[in-house]
N, C-alpha and C. Protein backbone atom coordinates (compact mmCIF):
# COMPACT_ATOMS: atom_id res chain seq x y z
N MET A 1 0.84 -1.21 0.00
CA MET A 1 0.00 0.00 0.00
C MET A 1 0.86 1.25 0.00
N GLU A 2 2.11 1.15 0.47
CA GLU A 2 2.96 2.32 0.55
C GLU A 2 3.86 2.46 -0.69
N SER A 3 4.22 1.33 -1.33
CA SER A 3 5.10 1.38 -2.49
C SER A 3 4.28 1.72 -3.73
N LEU A 4 4.67 2.81 -4.39
CA LEU A 4 3.91 3.28 -5.54
C LEU A 4 4.71 3.05 -6.82
N PHE A 5 4.64 1.83 -7.36
CA PHE A 5 5.23 1.52 -8.65
C PHE A 5 4.33 2.13 -9.71
N PRO A 6 4.83 2.35 -10.92
CA PRO A 6 4.04 3.02 -11.96
C PRO A 6 2.61 2.51 -12.14
N PRO A 7 2.36 1.17 -12.24
CA PRO A 7 0.97 0.73 -12.41
C PRO A 7 0.10 1.12 -11.22
N THR A 8 0.67 1.01 -10.02
CA THR A 8 -0.07 1.38 -8.82
C THR A 8 -0.35 2.88 -8.78
N THR A 9 0.62 3.66 -9.26
CA THR A 9 0.45 5.11 -9.30
C THR A 9 -0.70 5.48 -10.22
N ILE A 10 -0.78 4.82 -11.37
CA ILE A 10 -1.88 5.08 -12.31
C ILE A 10 -3.22 4.75 -11.67
N LEU A 11 -3.29 3.61 -10.99
CA LEU A 11 -4.52 3.21 -10.31
C LEU A 11 -4.86 4.21 -9.21
N LEU A 12 -3.84 4.63 -8.48
CA LEU A 12 -4.03 5.60 -7.40
C LEU A 12 -4.63 6.90 -7.92
N LEU A 13 -4.06 7.42 -9.00
CA LEU A 13 -4.55 8.68 -9.57
C LEU A 13 -5.96 8.53 -10.14
N ALA A 14 -6.25 7.36 -10.71
CA ALA A 14 -7.60 7.11 -11.24
C ALA A 14 -8.62 7.11 -10.11
N ILE A 15 -8.27 6.48 -8.99
CA ILE A 15 -9.16 6.45 -7.82
C ILE A 15 -9.34 7.86 -7.28
N LEU A 16 -8.26 8.64 -7.27
CA LEU A 16 -8.34 10.02 -6.79
C LEU A 16 -9.30 10.84 -7.62
N VAL A 17 -9.18 10.73 -8.95
CA VAL A 17 -10.05 11.50 -9.84
C VAL A 17 -11.51 11.11 -9.62
N CYS A 18 -11.79 9.81 -9.56
CA CYS A 18 -13.17 9.33 -9.36
C CYS A 18 -13.71 9.78 -8.00
N SER A 19 -12.89 9.70 -6.97
CA SER A 19 -13.31 10.07 -5.62
C SER A 19 -13.58 11.57 -5.53
N ALA A 20 -12.71 12.37 -6.17
CA ALA A 20 -12.89 13.82 -6.16
C ALA A 20 -14.15 14.21 -6.91
N ILE A 21 -14.45 13.51 -8.01
CA ILE A 21 -15.67 13.80 -8.77
C ILE A 21 -16.91 13.48 -7.94
N LEU A 22 -16.91 12.33 -7.26
CA LEU A 22 -18.04 11.98 -6.39
C LEU A 22 -18.19 13.01 -5.27
N HIS A 23 -17.08 13.50 -4.77
CA HIS A 23 -17.07 14.54 -3.74
C HIS A 23 -17.81 15.79 -4.24
N GLU A 24 -17.48 16.22 -5.46
CA GLU A 24 -18.10 17.43 -6.00
C GLU A 24 -19.56 17.19 -6.37
N ILE A 25 -19.87 16.02 -6.91
CA ILE A 25 -21.27 15.71 -7.24
C ILE A 25 -22.13 15.75 -5.97
N ALA A 26 -21.57 15.26 -4.86
CA ALA A 26 -22.30 15.30 -3.58
C ALA A 26 -22.62 16.72 -3.18
N HIS A 27 -21.65 17.63 -3.36
CA HIS A 27 -21.91 19.05 -3.08
C HIS A 27 -23.10 19.54 -3.91
N GLY A 28 -23.02 19.29 -5.22
CA GLY A 28 -24.06 19.79 -6.12
C GLY A 28 -25.41 19.16 -5.86
N TYR A 29 -25.43 17.86 -5.54
CA TYR A 29 -26.69 17.17 -5.28
C TYR A 29 -27.38 17.73 -4.04
N VAL A 30 -26.61 17.91 -2.96
CA VAL A 30 -27.20 18.45 -1.72
C VAL A 30 -27.66 19.88 -1.94
N ALA A 31 -26.87 20.67 -2.67
CA ALA A 31 -27.28 22.05 -2.96
C ALA A 31 -28.59 22.06 -3.73
N ASP A 32 -28.72 21.15 -4.69
CA ASP A 32 -29.95 21.06 -5.48
C ASP A 32 -31.14 20.72 -4.59
N ARG A 33 -30.93 19.79 -3.67
CA ARG A 33 -32.01 19.40 -2.75
C ARG A 33 -32.39 20.54 -1.79
N LEU A 34 -31.44 21.44 -1.54
CA LEU A 34 -31.69 22.53 -0.61
C LEU A 34 -32.10 23.83 -1.31
N GLY A 35 -32.36 23.73 -2.62
CA GLY A 35 -32.93 24.88 -3.31
C GLY A 35 -32.08 25.53 -4.37
N ASP A 36 -30.81 25.11 -4.53
CA ASP A 36 -29.96 25.74 -5.54
C ASP A 36 -29.66 24.76 -6.68
N PRO A 37 -30.26 24.97 -7.85
CA PRO A 37 -30.09 24.05 -8.98
C PRO A 37 -28.89 24.39 -9.87
N THR A 38 -28.03 25.33 -9.44
CA THR A 38 -26.96 25.83 -10.31
C THR A 38 -26.10 24.70 -10.89
N ALA A 39 -25.61 23.81 -10.03
CA ALA A 39 -24.73 22.73 -10.50
C ALA A 39 -25.46 21.82 -11.49
N ARG A 40 -26.71 21.52 -11.18
CA ARG A 40 -27.49 20.65 -12.08
C ARG A 40 -27.71 21.31 -13.44
N LEU A 41 -28.04 22.60 -13.43
CA LEU A 41 -28.32 23.31 -14.68
C LEU A 41 -27.06 23.47 -15.53
N LEU A 42 -25.90 23.49 -14.88
CA LEU A 42 -24.64 23.63 -15.61
C LEU A 42 -24.03 22.28 -15.97
N GLY A 43 -24.78 21.20 -15.73
CA GLY A 43 -24.32 19.88 -16.13
C GLY A 43 -23.21 19.31 -15.27
N ARG A 44 -23.14 19.74 -13.99
CA ARG A 44 -22.07 19.26 -13.12
C ARG A 44 -22.47 18.05 -12.28
N LEU A 45 -23.73 17.64 -12.35
CA LEU A 45 -24.15 16.44 -11.63
C LEU A 45 -24.02 15.24 -12.57
N THR A 46 -22.82 15.03 -13.06
CA THR A 46 -22.55 13.98 -14.04
C THR A 46 -21.29 13.23 -13.66
N LEU A 47 -21.24 11.94 -14.02
CA LEU A 47 -20.05 11.13 -13.78
C LEU A 47 -19.02 11.30 -14.89
N ASN A 48 -19.37 12.03 -15.94
CA ASN A 48 -18.40 12.35 -16.99
C ASN A 48 -17.28 13.19 -16.37
N PRO A 49 -16.03 12.73 -16.42
CA PRO A 49 -14.95 13.45 -15.72
C PRO A 49 -14.59 14.80 -16.33
N LEU A 50 -14.85 14.99 -17.61
CA LEU A 50 -14.36 16.20 -18.31
C LEU A 50 -14.83 17.51 -17.67
N PRO A 51 -16.13 17.67 -17.30
CA PRO A 51 -16.53 18.95 -16.70
C PRO A 51 -15.94 19.18 -15.30
N HIS A 52 -15.36 18.14 -14.71
CA HIS A 52 -14.88 18.24 -13.33
C HIS A 52 -13.37 18.44 -13.20
N ILE A 53 -12.64 18.29 -14.31
CA ILE A 53 -11.17 18.34 -14.25
C ILE A 53 -10.69 19.76 -13.98
N ASP A 54 -9.83 19.90 -12.98
CA ASP A 54 -9.17 21.17 -12.67
C ASP A 54 -7.67 20.95 -12.82
N LEU A 55 -6.99 21.78 -13.60
CA LEU A 55 -5.58 21.56 -13.92
C LEU A 55 -4.72 21.43 -12.67
N PHE A 56 -4.90 22.32 -11.70
CA PHE A 56 -4.06 22.28 -10.50
C PHE A 56 -4.50 21.19 -9.53
N LEU A 57 -5.78 21.22 -9.15
CA LEU A 57 -6.26 20.31 -8.11
C LEU A 57 -6.30 18.85 -8.54
N THR A 58 -6.67 18.60 -9.80
CA THR A 58 -6.87 17.22 -10.25
C THR A 58 -5.60 16.60 -10.83
N ILE A 59 -4.71 17.43 -11.34
CA ILE A 59 -3.54 16.88 -12.04
C ILE A 59 -2.22 17.27 -11.36
N ILE A 60 -1.94 18.57 -11.26
CA ILE A 60 -0.63 19.02 -10.80
C ILE A 60 -0.37 18.67 -9.34
N LEU A 61 -1.30 19.01 -8.44
CA LEU A 61 -1.09 18.76 -7.01
C LEU A 61 -0.92 17.28 -6.70
N PRO A 62 -1.80 16.37 -7.18
CA PRO A 62 -1.58 14.94 -6.90
C PRO A 62 -0.25 14.42 -7.43
N LEU A 63 0.12 14.85 -8.64
CA LEU A 63 1.39 14.39 -9.21
C LEU A 63 2.58 14.87 -8.39
N LEU A 64 2.53 16.11 -7.90
CA LEU A 64 3.60 16.63 -7.06
C LEU A 64 3.74 15.80 -5.79
N LEU A 65 2.60 15.43 -5.19
CA LEU A 65 2.63 14.65 -3.95
C LEU A 65 3.14 13.25 -4.20
N VAL A 66 2.75 12.64 -5.34
CA VAL A 66 3.24 11.30 -5.67
C VAL A 66 4.74 11.33 -5.93
N LEU A 67 5.20 12.30 -6.71
CA LEU A 67 6.62 12.38 -7.07
C LEU A 67 7.51 12.74 -5.89
N SER A 68 6.94 13.43 -4.89
CA SER A 68 7.72 13.81 -3.71
C SER A 68 7.71 12.72 -2.63
N HIS A 69 6.98 11.61 -2.89
CA HIS A 69 6.94 10.46 -1.98
C HIS A 69 6.56 10.87 -0.55
N THR A 70 5.51 11.68 -0.44
CA THR A 70 5.06 12.13 0.88
C THR A 70 4.33 11.04 1.64
N GLY A 71 3.78 10.06 0.91
CA GLY A 71 2.98 9.02 1.56
C GLY A 71 1.51 9.42 1.69
N ILE A 72 1.22 10.69 1.41
CA ILE A 72 -0.16 11.20 1.48
C ILE A 72 -0.52 11.72 0.10
N ILE A 73 -1.73 11.42 -0.33
CA ILE A 73 -2.19 11.90 -1.63
C ILE A 73 -3.54 12.59 -1.48
N PHE A 74 -3.64 13.79 -1.99
CA PHE A 74 -4.94 14.44 -2.05
C PHE A 74 -4.94 15.41 -3.21
N GLY A 75 -6.10 15.89 -3.53
CA GLY A 75 -6.29 16.80 -4.64
C GLY A 75 -7.77 17.11 -4.71
N GLY A 76 -8.28 17.36 -5.87
CA GLY A 76 -9.70 17.65 -5.96
C GLY A 76 -10.14 17.82 -7.40
N ALA A 77 -11.42 18.03 -7.57
CA ALA A 77 -11.98 18.33 -8.88
C ALA A 77 -12.40 19.79 -8.89
N LYS A 78 -12.77 20.27 -10.06
CA LYS A 78 -13.22 21.66 -10.16
C LYS A 78 -14.44 21.86 -9.27
N PRO A 79 -14.40 22.84 -8.36
CA PRO A 79 -15.53 23.03 -7.44
C PRO A 79 -16.84 23.26 -8.18
N VAL A 80 -17.90 22.61 -7.71
CA VAL A 80 -19.21 22.86 -8.33
C VAL A 80 -19.70 24.24 -7.90
N PRO A 81 -20.33 24.96 -8.80
CA PRO A 81 -20.85 26.29 -8.44
C PRO A 81 -22.08 26.16 -7.53
N VAL A 82 -22.08 26.93 -6.46
CA VAL A 82 -23.22 26.97 -5.54
C VAL A 82 -23.57 28.43 -5.28
N ASP A 83 -24.83 28.77 -5.48
CA ASP A 83 -25.30 30.13 -5.21
C ASP A 83 -26.01 30.13 -3.85
N PRO A 84 -25.36 30.66 -2.81
CA PRO A 84 -25.95 30.62 -1.47
C PRO A 84 -27.27 31.37 -1.36
N PHE A 85 -27.51 32.31 -2.28
CA PHE A 85 -28.76 33.07 -2.24
C PHE A 85 -29.96 32.22 -2.64
N ASN A 86 -29.70 31.08 -3.30
CA ASN A 86 -30.80 30.18 -3.66
C ASN A 86 -31.12 29.19 -2.54
N LEU A 87 -30.22 29.05 -1.59
CA LEU A 87 -30.42 28.10 -0.51
C LEU A 87 -31.47 28.63 0.47
N ARG A 88 -32.22 27.72 1.03
CA ARG A 88 -33.33 28.12 1.90
C ARG A 88 -32.84 28.77 3.19
N ASP A 89 -31.77 28.25 3.76
CA ASP A 89 -31.20 28.79 4.99
C ASP A 89 -29.71 28.97 4.74
N GLY A 90 -29.35 30.16 4.20
CA GLY A 90 -28.03 30.45 3.68
C GLY A 90 -26.84 29.79 4.35
N ARG A 91 -26.47 30.25 5.57
CA ARG A 91 -25.25 29.78 6.21
C ARG A 91 -25.35 28.31 6.63
N LYS A 92 -26.47 27.94 7.19
CA LYS A 92 -26.65 26.55 7.64
C LYS A 92 -26.63 25.59 6.46
N ASP A 93 -27.37 25.94 5.40
CA ASP A 93 -27.42 25.07 4.23
C ASP A 93 -26.07 25.02 3.52
N MET A 94 -25.34 26.15 3.54
CA MET A 94 -24.02 26.17 2.91
C MET A 94 -23.08 25.22 3.65
N ALA A 95 -23.21 25.16 4.97
CA ALA A 95 -22.39 24.23 5.76
C ALA A 95 -22.75 22.79 5.42
N LEU A 96 -24.05 22.52 5.23
CA LEU A 96 -24.48 21.16 4.87
C LEU A 96 -23.97 20.77 3.48
N VAL A 97 -24.02 21.72 2.55
CA VAL A 97 -23.49 21.47 1.20
C VAL A 97 -22.00 21.16 1.28
N SER A 98 -21.28 21.93 2.08
CA SER A 98 -19.84 21.72 2.22
C SER A 98 -19.53 20.39 2.88
N LEU A 99 -20.33 20.00 3.86
CA LEU A 99 -20.11 18.75 4.57
C LEU A 99 -20.35 17.54 3.67
N ALA A 100 -21.21 17.70 2.66
CA ALA A 100 -21.60 16.56 1.81
C ALA A 100 -20.41 15.92 1.11
N GLY A 101 -19.44 16.73 0.68
CA GLY A 101 -18.28 16.20 -0.03
C GLY A 101 -17.42 15.30 0.84
N PRO A 102 -16.89 15.83 1.98
CA PRO A 102 -16.11 14.97 2.88
C PRO A 102 -16.90 13.78 3.41
N ALA A 103 -18.21 13.97 3.64
CA ALA A 103 -19.03 12.87 4.13
C ALA A 103 -19.08 11.73 3.11
N THR A 104 -19.11 12.08 1.83
CA THR A 104 -19.08 11.06 0.77
C THR A 104 -17.76 10.29 0.81
N ASN A 105 -16.65 11.01 0.99
CA ASN A 105 -15.34 10.35 1.09
C ASN A 105 -15.26 9.45 2.32
N ILE A 106 -15.81 9.89 3.44
CA ILE A 106 -15.81 9.08 4.66
C ILE A 106 -16.65 7.82 4.47
N LEU A 107 -17.79 7.96 3.79
CA LEU A 107 -18.64 6.79 3.50
C LEU A 107 -17.88 5.78 2.65
N LEU A 108 -17.14 6.27 1.65
CA LEU A 108 -16.33 5.38 0.80
C LEU A 108 -15.24 4.68 1.62
N VAL A 109 -14.66 5.41 2.57
CA VAL A 109 -13.64 4.82 3.45
C VAL A 109 -14.24 3.70 4.28
N ILE A 110 -15.42 3.93 4.85
CA ILE A 110 -16.06 2.93 5.71
C ILE A 110 -16.40 1.67 4.91
N VAL A 111 -16.99 1.85 3.72
CA VAL A 111 -17.35 0.69 2.89
C VAL A 111 -16.09 -0.07 2.46
N ALA A 112 -15.07 0.66 2.00
CA ALA A 112 -13.84 0.02 1.55
C ALA A 112 -13.13 -0.70 2.71
N THR A 113 -13.18 -0.13 3.91
CA THR A 113 -12.55 -0.75 5.08
C THR A 113 -13.23 -2.07 5.42
N LEU A 114 -14.56 -2.07 5.40
CA LEU A 114 -15.31 -3.30 5.70
C LEU A 114 -14.98 -4.38 4.67
N LEU A 115 -14.95 -4.01 3.40
CA LEU A 115 -14.63 -4.98 2.36
C LEU A 115 -13.18 -5.44 2.46
N PHE A 116 -12.28 -4.52 2.80
CA PHE A 116 -10.86 -4.85 2.94
C PHE A 116 -10.65 -5.89 4.04
N LYS A 117 -11.38 -5.73 5.15
CA LYS A 117 -11.23 -6.66 6.26
C LYS A 117 -11.84 -8.03 5.95
N LEU A 118 -12.75 -8.08 4.98
CA LEU A 118 -13.35 -9.34 4.56
C LEU A 118 -12.53 -10.05 3.49
N THR A 119 -11.55 -9.32 2.92
CA THR A 119 -10.72 -9.90 1.86
C THR A 119 -9.63 -10.76 2.49
N PRO A 120 -9.50 -12.03 2.11
CA PRO A 120 -8.47 -12.92 2.69
C PRO A 120 -7.07 -12.36 2.50
N GLY A 121 -6.29 -12.35 3.57
CA GLY A 121 -4.92 -11.86 3.49
C GLY A 121 -3.99 -12.94 2.99
N ASN A 122 -2.83 -12.51 2.45
CA ASN A 122 -1.81 -13.44 1.97
C ASN A 122 -2.36 -14.47 0.98
N SER A 123 -3.32 -14.05 0.18
CA SER A 123 -3.91 -14.97 -0.79
C SER A 123 -3.04 -15.06 -2.04
N ALA A 124 -2.93 -16.27 -2.58
CA ALA A 124 -2.17 -16.47 -3.81
C ALA A 124 -3.02 -16.11 -5.04
N ASP A 125 -4.31 -15.89 -4.82
CA ASP A 125 -5.22 -15.54 -5.91
C ASP A 125 -4.93 -14.11 -6.37
N ALA A 126 -4.59 -13.96 -7.66
CA ALA A 126 -4.22 -12.65 -8.19
C ALA A 126 -5.37 -11.65 -8.09
N MET A 127 -6.60 -12.12 -8.33
CA MET A 127 -7.76 -11.22 -8.26
C MET A 127 -7.99 -10.70 -6.85
N LEU A 128 -7.84 -11.59 -5.86
CA LEU A 128 -7.99 -11.15 -4.47
C LEU A 128 -6.87 -10.20 -4.08
N GLY A 129 -5.68 -10.47 -4.60
CA GLY A 129 -4.56 -9.57 -4.33
C GLY A 129 -4.81 -8.19 -4.90
N PHE A 130 -5.34 -8.14 -6.13
CA PHE A 130 -5.65 -6.84 -6.75
C PHE A 130 -6.77 -6.14 -5.99
N LEU A 131 -7.78 -6.92 -5.55
CA LEU A 131 -8.89 -6.34 -4.80
C LEU A 131 -8.40 -5.71 -3.51
N ALA A 132 -7.48 -6.40 -2.81
CA ALA A 132 -6.94 -5.86 -1.57
C ALA A 132 -6.17 -4.57 -1.84
N LEU A 133 -5.39 -4.55 -2.93
CA LEU A 133 -4.64 -3.35 -3.32
C LEU A 133 -5.60 -2.21 -3.64
N PHE A 134 -6.63 -2.52 -4.44
CA PHE A 134 -7.61 -1.50 -4.84
C PHE A 134 -8.32 -0.90 -3.63
N LEU A 135 -8.81 -1.75 -2.74
CA LEU A 135 -9.52 -1.27 -1.56
C LEU A 135 -8.59 -0.46 -0.65
N GLY A 136 -7.33 -0.91 -0.54
CA GLY A 136 -6.37 -0.16 0.26
C GLY A 136 -6.15 1.24 -0.28
N LEU A 137 -6.09 1.37 -1.61
CA LEU A 137 -5.90 2.68 -2.23
C LEU A 137 -7.16 3.55 -2.11
N VAL A 138 -8.33 2.92 -2.19
CA VAL A 138 -9.58 3.66 -1.99
C VAL A 138 -9.60 4.26 -0.58
N ILE A 139 -9.18 3.48 0.41
CA ILE A 139 -9.12 3.97 1.79
C ILE A 139 -8.12 5.12 1.89
N LYS A 140 -6.92 4.91 1.35
CA LYS A 140 -5.85 5.91 1.41
C LYS A 140 -6.29 7.23 0.80
N VAL A 141 -6.85 7.17 -0.41
CA VAL A 141 -7.23 8.38 -1.14
C VAL A 141 -8.37 9.10 -0.45
N ASN A 142 -9.44 8.38 -0.12
CA ASN A 142 -10.63 9.04 0.42
C ASN A 142 -10.43 9.54 1.84
N LEU A 143 -9.62 8.84 2.60
CA LEU A 143 -9.30 9.33 3.95
C LEU A 143 -8.50 10.62 3.85
N SER A 144 -7.54 10.67 2.94
CA SER A 144 -6.75 11.89 2.74
C SER A 144 -7.64 13.04 2.25
N LEU A 145 -8.54 12.74 1.31
CA LEU A 145 -9.44 13.78 0.80
C LEU A 145 -10.34 14.34 1.90
N ALA A 146 -10.89 13.44 2.72
CA ALA A 146 -11.79 13.89 3.79
C ALA A 146 -11.06 14.77 4.78
N ILE A 147 -9.87 14.34 5.21
CA ILE A 147 -9.10 15.10 6.20
C ILE A 147 -8.70 16.45 5.63
N PHE A 148 -8.16 16.44 4.41
CA PHE A 148 -7.69 17.67 3.78
C PHE A 148 -8.83 18.67 3.62
N ASN A 149 -9.97 18.21 3.13
CA ASN A 149 -11.07 19.13 2.86
C ASN A 149 -11.77 19.63 4.12
N LEU A 150 -11.62 18.92 5.23
CA LEU A 150 -12.24 19.36 6.48
C LEU A 150 -11.38 20.36 7.25
N LEU A 151 -10.17 20.64 6.77
CA LEU A 151 -9.35 21.65 7.42
C LEU A 151 -10.03 23.02 7.29
N PRO A 152 -10.06 23.80 8.37
CA PRO A 152 -10.77 25.09 8.33
C PRO A 152 -9.96 26.20 7.67
N ILE A 153 -9.54 25.93 6.43
CA ILE A 153 -8.75 26.90 5.66
C ILE A 153 -9.53 27.27 4.41
N PRO A 154 -9.94 28.54 4.25
CA PRO A 154 -10.64 28.91 3.02
C PRO A 154 -9.76 28.62 1.80
N PRO A 155 -10.31 28.05 0.74
CA PRO A 155 -11.73 27.80 0.46
C PRO A 155 -12.15 26.36 0.72
N LEU A 156 -11.42 25.62 1.53
CA LEU A 156 -11.75 24.21 1.78
C LEU A 156 -13.10 24.10 2.47
N ASP A 157 -13.72 22.92 2.37
CA ASP A 157 -15.05 22.71 2.93
C ASP A 157 -15.11 23.01 4.42
N GLY A 158 -14.03 22.67 5.12
CA GLY A 158 -14.00 22.89 6.56
C GLY A 158 -14.18 24.34 6.95
N SER A 159 -13.76 25.26 6.09
CA SER A 159 -13.89 26.69 6.40
C SER A 159 -15.36 27.11 6.42
N LYS A 160 -16.17 26.55 5.53
CA LYS A 160 -17.59 26.92 5.48
C LYS A 160 -18.36 26.29 6.64
N ILE A 161 -17.88 25.12 7.09
CA ILE A 161 -18.50 24.50 8.26
C ILE A 161 -18.12 25.28 9.52
N PHE A 162 -16.84 25.65 9.62
CA PHE A 162 -16.35 26.42 10.78
C PHE A 162 -17.01 27.79 10.83
N ALA A 163 -17.26 28.40 9.66
CA ALA A 163 -17.86 29.74 9.61
C ALA A 163 -19.24 29.76 10.24
N LEU A 164 -19.89 28.61 10.32
CA LEU A 164 -21.24 28.55 10.88
C LEU A 164 -21.27 28.96 12.35
N ILE A 165 -20.16 28.74 13.06
CA ILE A 165 -20.14 29.07 14.50
C ILE A 165 -19.61 30.48 14.76
N LEU A 166 -19.21 31.20 13.70
CA LEU A 166 -18.68 32.55 13.85
C LEU A 166 -19.79 33.58 13.68
N PRO A 167 -19.64 34.75 14.32
CA PRO A 167 -20.58 35.84 14.03
C PRO A 167 -20.55 36.17 12.54
N GLU A 168 -21.66 36.62 12.02
CA GLU A 168 -21.81 36.75 10.58
C GLU A 168 -20.75 37.64 9.93
N LYS A 169 -20.45 38.80 10.54
CA LYS A 169 -19.47 39.71 9.95
C LYS A 169 -18.08 39.10 9.94
N ILE A 170 -17.72 38.44 11.03
CA ILE A 170 -16.41 37.79 11.10
C ILE A 170 -16.35 36.64 10.10
N ALA A 171 -17.46 35.89 9.99
CA ALA A 171 -17.52 34.77 9.04
C ALA A 171 -17.33 35.26 7.61
N ASP A 172 -17.96 36.40 7.27
CA ASP A 172 -17.83 36.94 5.92
C ASP A 172 -16.39 37.34 5.61
N THR A 173 -15.73 37.97 6.58
CA THR A 173 -14.32 38.36 6.40
C THR A 173 -13.43 37.13 6.25
N TYR A 174 -13.69 36.15 7.10
CA TYR A 174 -12.93 34.89 7.09
C TYR A 174 -13.08 34.17 5.76
N LEU A 175 -14.30 34.07 5.25
CA LEU A 175 -14.55 33.36 4.00
C LEU A 175 -14.07 34.14 2.78
N SER A 176 -13.89 35.47 2.94
CA SER A 176 -13.39 36.28 1.82
C SER A 176 -11.96 35.91 1.46
N LEU A 177 -11.27 35.21 2.37
CA LEU A 177 -9.91 34.76 2.08
C LEU A 177 -9.89 33.69 1.00
N SER A 178 -11.07 33.17 0.65
CA SER A 178 -11.15 32.11 -0.37
C SER A 178 -10.56 32.55 -1.70
N SER A 179 -10.61 33.85 -2.00
CA SER A 179 -10.08 34.33 -3.27
C SER A 179 -8.57 34.14 -3.37
N PHE A 180 -7.93 33.98 -2.21
CA PHE A 180 -6.49 33.72 -2.18
C PHE A 180 -6.20 32.27 -1.80
N GLY A 181 -7.23 31.42 -1.93
CA GLY A 181 -7.16 30.06 -1.42
C GLY A 181 -5.98 29.25 -1.93
N THR A 182 -5.75 29.27 -3.25
CA THR A 182 -4.67 28.46 -3.82
C THR A 182 -3.31 28.91 -3.30
N ILE A 183 -3.13 30.23 -3.18
CA ILE A 183 -1.86 30.78 -2.68
C ILE A 183 -1.67 30.38 -1.22
N ILE A 184 -2.73 30.47 -0.42
CA ILE A 184 -2.66 30.11 1.00
C ILE A 184 -2.28 28.64 1.15
N LEU A 185 -2.95 27.77 0.38
CA LEU A 185 -2.69 26.34 0.49
C LEU A 185 -1.26 26.00 0.07
N LEU A 186 -0.79 26.59 -1.03
CA LEU A 186 0.57 26.33 -1.47
C LEU A 186 1.58 26.78 -0.42
N PHE A 187 1.35 27.94 0.17
CA PHE A 187 2.26 28.46 1.19
C PHE A 187 2.30 27.52 2.40
N LEU A 188 1.12 27.09 2.86
CA LEU A 188 1.06 26.22 4.03
C LEU A 188 1.62 24.83 3.75
N LEU A 189 1.50 24.39 2.49
CA LEU A 189 2.06 23.09 2.12
C LEU A 189 3.58 23.13 2.04
N LEU A 190 4.13 24.24 1.56
CA LEU A 190 5.56 24.31 1.29
C LEU A 190 6.39 24.88 2.43
N PHE A 191 5.78 25.71 3.27
CA PHE A 191 6.57 26.40 4.29
C PHE A 191 6.03 26.10 5.69
N PRO A 192 6.82 25.40 6.52
CA PRO A 192 6.41 25.11 7.91
C PRO A 192 6.26 26.39 8.72
N ILE A 193 5.30 26.38 9.64
CA ILE A 193 5.09 27.51 10.55
C ILE A 193 5.19 26.97 11.97
N GLY A 194 6.13 27.51 12.73
CA GLY A 194 6.32 27.04 14.10
C GLY A 194 6.74 25.59 14.16
N GLY A 195 7.45 25.14 13.12
CA GLY A 195 7.92 23.75 13.11
C GLY A 195 6.90 22.77 12.56
N PHE A 196 5.70 23.27 12.23
CA PHE A 196 4.66 22.39 11.69
C PHE A 196 4.27 22.85 10.29
N SER A 197 4.10 21.90 9.40
CA SER A 197 3.61 22.20 8.07
C SER A 197 2.22 21.61 7.93
N LEU A 198 1.50 22.07 6.94
CA LEU A 198 0.16 21.52 6.69
C LEU A 198 0.26 20.03 6.40
N MET A 199 1.32 19.62 5.71
CA MET A 199 1.51 18.21 5.39
C MET A 199 1.68 17.38 6.67
N THR A 200 2.40 17.94 7.65
CA THR A 200 2.60 17.24 8.92
C THR A 200 1.27 17.03 9.63
N ILE A 201 0.44 18.05 9.64
CA ILE A 201 -0.87 17.97 10.31
C ILE A 201 -1.75 16.93 9.62
N VAL A 202 -1.81 16.99 8.28
CA VAL A 202 -2.63 16.03 7.53
C VAL A 202 -2.12 14.61 7.76
N SER A 203 -0.80 14.43 7.73
CA SER A 203 -0.21 13.10 7.93
C SER A 203 -0.54 12.55 9.31
N SER A 204 -0.46 13.40 10.33
CA SER A 204 -0.76 12.96 11.70
C SER A 204 -2.22 12.57 11.85
N LEU A 205 -3.11 13.36 11.29
CA LEU A 205 -4.54 13.04 11.34
C LEU A 205 -4.84 11.77 10.55
N TYR A 206 -4.15 11.60 9.45
CA TYR A 206 -4.33 10.41 8.61
C TYR A 206 -3.93 9.14 9.37
N LEU A 207 -2.78 9.16 10.03
CA LEU A 207 -2.31 8.00 10.79
C LEU A 207 -3.23 7.71 11.97
N PHE A 208 -3.73 8.77 12.61
CA PHE A 208 -4.66 8.59 13.72
C PHE A 208 -5.96 7.94 13.24
N ALA A 209 -6.46 8.38 12.08
CA ALA A 209 -7.69 7.81 11.52
C ALA A 209 -7.51 6.36 11.15
N LEU A 210 -6.32 5.99 10.64
CA LEU A 210 -6.05 4.60 10.31
C LEU A 210 -6.10 3.73 11.56
N GLN A 211 -5.59 4.26 12.68
CA GLN A 211 -5.64 3.52 13.94
C GLN A 211 -7.07 3.31 14.38
N LEU A 212 -7.91 4.33 14.21
CA LEU A 212 -9.32 4.21 14.58
C LEU A 212 -10.03 3.15 13.74
N LEU A 213 -9.61 3.03 12.49
CA LEU A 213 -10.21 2.05 11.58
C LEU A 213 -9.64 0.65 11.79
N GLY A 214 -8.60 0.57 12.60
CA GLY A 214 -7.98 -0.73 12.85
C GLY A 214 -7.13 -1.21 11.70
N LEU A 215 -6.52 -0.28 10.96
CA LEU A 215 -5.70 -0.64 9.80
C LEU A 215 -4.22 -0.37 10.08
């Protein structure tokens, strides 16, 4: 699960793209159910990967993490458009829309973990061996996606959930940092602050979650 030979890397990236797309579709689906049809009307509630591909989040960032052998992989798809003014209860519904993406990744982790534990270990059967590898990568990718997206850093999903507990004016100022989101994330990924980097925090949370899952 830790050694990423080229075929495994291809499978890993494919799982990442599919998981990120499901993450974004979940956002759009929940938004649609809560009164905002924007994603649906723009054709973003589709399993076709093309409308969801983002050059940085879907391709460049995952490749950089794989090539740097960090042991953690995350990225994303192009964010689905959500108009908060269409939502029935603006801030609360926006938090629910944001939570839908990581919740989808967590659900995939739980299902894959249950199946992984039912898969016979040390099997000589090539299909079972591939299944164990596949499920292990599904767990790795979706756990990383859930943890990364739940961080309270604009524009990540966690920031919109965290904003729900802030006074409205402070929340608006806090969320306005989203326009600098990519720069903020790159800075936190590349430059440690106080001896801690964003990668260190994500890695620690990832290892803790694996212990909780019994993996």
